[in-house]
Amino acid sequence: MDREKAKELLTQIETAASAGKPSEVRQKVVKILNGIPTYNWVGIYLVKGHDLHLDSWSGPAATVHTVIPVGKGVCGFAAKSGRTEIVSDVSKDPRYLECFANTRSEIVVPIHHEGNVVGEIDIDSDELNAHSSMDREVLEAVASKISRFCA
């Protein structure tokens, strides 16, 4: 993702986050993000107790991982640590919980609100090394913009 595309994406997210019920905003955001060519599946998980619950998603199919314990898998690890996780090759990361056989890389971005992790953005790609530092920067900005809709 280049800087121009990043600016355009953040503008679309701001527009989506300007009105609507929280669930509607989250669904709009996953659809916008799923429009990025290297993003094959995009989901937002919300923290409920000690688990992540799939709230909104966009992609070719649903995942079987609709509830993930905090601390388990890449998603659970990111929620526990509060830090973005980029996995360039999921076949080499023992934490990876397979959702789709064709997934090659993943990025998970925690959503913080008032000092707590309240959710996360999970993105799968069919390409190895699909997620760059620019993806991290942009997705962390997206997470910040939608945090109030995830609390």
Protein backbone atom coordinates (compact mmCIF):
# COMPACT_ATOMS: atom_id res chain seq x y z
CA MET A 1 0.00 0.00 0.00
CA ASP A 2 1.42 3.37 -0.97
CA ARG A 3 0.86 6.71 0.80
CA GLU A 4 -1.78 7.89 -1.69
CA LYS A 5 -3.82 4.71 -1.28
CA ALA A 6 -3.40 4.98 2.50
CA LYS A 7 -4.81 8.54 2.54
CA GLU A 8 -7.74 7.47 0.37
CA LEU A 9 -8.44 4.49 2.62
CA LEU A 10 -8.36 6.59 5.81
CA THR A 11 -10.77 9.08 4.23
CA GLN A 12 -13.17 6.23 3.42
CA ILE A 13 -12.90 4.95 7.01
CA GLU A 14 -13.57 8.43 8.43
CA THR A 15 -16.68 8.71 6.26
CA ALA A 16 -17.86 5.26 7.36
CA ALA A 17 -17.26 6.16 11.01
CA SER A 18 -19.13 9.47 10.78
CA ALA A 19 -22.61 8.00 11.16
CA GLY A 20 -24.44 4.83 12.01
CA LYS A 21 -24.81 2.31 14.77
CA PRO A 22 -21.54 0.76 16.00
CA SER A 23 -22.32 -2.61 14.38
CA GLU A 24 -23.03 -0.88 11.05
CA VAL A 25 -19.77 1.08 11.24
CA ARG A 26 -17.77 -2.08 11.95
CA GLN A 27 -19.39 -3.88 9.01
CA LYS A 28 -18.66 -0.94 6.68
CA VAL A 29 -15.03 -0.91 7.81
CA VAL A 30 -14.42 -4.61 7.10
CA LYS A 31 -15.96 -4.20 3.64
CA ILE A 32 -13.76 -1.19 2.88
CA LEU A 33 -10.63 -3.01 4.06
CA ASN A 34 -11.55 -6.15 2.12
CA GLY A 35 -11.41 -3.99 -1.02
CA ILE A 36 -7.61 -3.92 -0.79
CA PRO A 37 -6.39 -6.45 -3.38
CA THR A 38 -4.01 -8.36 -1.07
CA TYR A 39 -6.57 -8.64 1.75
CA ASN A 40 -8.59 -11.81 1.21
CA TRP A 41 -10.50 -11.91 4.51
CA VAL A 42 -11.04 -9.15 7.06
CA GLY A 43 -12.66 -9.52 10.45
CA ILE A 44 -13.22 -7.50 13.57
CA TYR A 45 -13.19 -9.42 16.83
CA LEU A 46 -14.46 -7.85 20.05
CA VAL A 47 -13.17 -8.75 23.52
CA LYS A 48 -15.84 -10.26 25.75
CA GLY A 49 -14.48 -11.48 29.05
CA HIS A 50 -11.45 -13.66 28.32
CA ASP A 51 -12.36 -14.33 24.68
CA LEU A 52 -12.39 -12.66 21.30
CA HIS A 53 -15.76 -12.92 19.53
CA LEU A 54 -16.04 -12.45 15.78
CA ASP A 55 -18.31 -9.46 15.26
CA SER A 56 -18.01 -8.41 11.60
CA TRP A 57 -16.27 -9.92 8.61
CA SER A 58 -15.89 -9.64 4.87
CA GLY A 59 -14.46 -12.28 2.58
CA PRO A 60 -15.32 -15.32 0.51
CA ALA A 61 -16.40 -17.50 3.46
CA ALA A 62 -17.02 -17.52 7.18
CA THR A 63 -14.33 -18.78 9.54
CA VAL A 64 -14.80 -21.56 12.07
CA HIS A 65 -12.88 -19.46 14.59
CA THR A 66 -15.70 -17.26 15.85
CA VAL A 67 -14.50 -17.38 19.47
CA ILE A 68 -10.78 -17.31 20.31
CA PRO A 69 -9.43 -17.29 23.86
CA VAL A 70 -7.24 -14.27 24.62
CA GLY A 71 -3.68 -15.58 24.48
CA LYS A 72 -4.36 -18.35 21.93
CA GLY A 73 -3.28 -18.10 18.29
CA VAL A 74 -1.95 -14.97 16.62
CA CYS A 75 -5.23 -13.15 17.33
CA GLY A 76 -5.25 -14.08 20.99
CA PHE A 77 -1.57 -13.22 21.35
CA ALA A 78 -2.11 -9.74 19.85
CA ALA A 79 -5.08 -9.14 22.15
CA LYS A 80 -3.04 -10.19 25.19
CA SER A 81 0.09 -8.21 24.28
CA GLY A 82 -1.75 -5.18 22.89
CA ARG A 83 0.68 -5.08 19.95
CA THR A 84 0.23 -5.54 16.22
CA GLU A 85 1.36 -8.91 14.94
CA ILE A 86 2.53 -9.42 11.35
CA VAL A 87 3.03 -13.02 10.27
CA SER A 88 4.74 -13.08 6.87
CA ASP A 89 4.37 -16.86 6.49
CA VAL A 90 1.68 -18.51 8.63
CA SER A 91 3.13 -21.97 7.95
CA LYS A 92 6.17 -20.99 10.01
CA ASP A 93 4.31 -19.59 13.03
CA PRO A 94 3.18 -22.24 15.53
CA ARG A 95 0.62 -19.81 16.99
CA TYR A 96 -1.36 -19.67 13.75
CA LEU A 97 -4.90 -21.08 13.88
CA GLU A 98 -5.85 -22.06 10.34
CA CYS A 99 -9.02 -20.43 9.08
CA PHE A 100 -8.52 -21.02 5.37
CA ALA A 101 -6.19 -23.44 3.59
CA ASN A 102 -5.08 -20.74 1.12
CA THR A 103 -3.99 -18.18 3.76
CA ARG A 104 -0.27 -17.45 3.55
CA SER A 105 0.14 -14.35 5.75
CA GLU A 106 -1.78 -12.46 8.43
CA ILE A 107 -1.80 -9.14 10.26
CA VAL A 108 -3.66 -8.61 13.54
CA VAL A 109 -4.09 -5.08 14.90
CA PRO A 110 -5.42 -4.56 18.43
CA ILE A 111 -8.10 -1.92 18.93
CA HIS A 112 -7.46 0.13 22.08
CA HIS A 113 -10.05 2.22 23.92
CA GLU A 114 -9.33 4.07 27.14
CA GLY A 115 -6.17 2.06 27.75
CA ASN A 116 -7.68 -1.39 27.17
CA VAL A 117 -7.73 -3.75 24.21
CA VAL A 118 -11.42 -3.92 23.25
CA GLY A 119 -11.07 -5.72 19.94
CA GLU A 120 -8.88 -6.26 16.93
CA ILE A 121 -8.74 -6.20 13.18
CA ASP A 122 -7.66 -9.54 11.68
CA ILE A 123 -6.62 -9.71 8.02
CA ASP A 124 -5.60 -12.77 6.02
CA SER A 125 -3.86 -12.81 2.66
CA ASP A 126 -3.26 -15.54 0.09
CA GLU A 127 0.18 -13.99 -0.56
CA LEU A 128 3.36 -14.46 1.46
CA ASN A 129 4.76 -11.26 2.99
CA ALA A 130 1.58 -9.36 2.08
CA HIS A 131 1.66 -6.97 5.04
CA SER A 132 4.21 -4.17 5.25
CA SER A 133 5.07 -1.52 7.81
CA MET A 134 2.75 0.78 5.82
CA ASP A 135 -0.11 -1.68 6.33
CA ARG A 136 0.69 -1.68 10.06
CA GLU A 137 0.72 2.13 10.21
CA VAL A 138 -2.54 2.52 8.29
CA LEU A 139 -4.37 -0.28 10.10
CA GLU A 140 -3.30 1.07 13.49
CA ALA A 141 -4.78 4.43 12.42
CA VAL A 142 -7.98 2.63 11.35
CA ALA A 143 -8.13 0.86 14.73
CA SER A 144 -7.80 4.21 16.48
CA LYS A 145 -10.56 5.78 14.37
CA ILE A 146 -13.04 2.98 15.08
CA SER A 147 -12.15 2.30 18.73
CA ARG A 148 -15.22 4.08 20.11
CA PHE A 149 -17.42 1.78 18.01
CA CYS A 150 -15.82 -1.31 19.57
CA ALA A 151 -15.97 -0.43 23.26
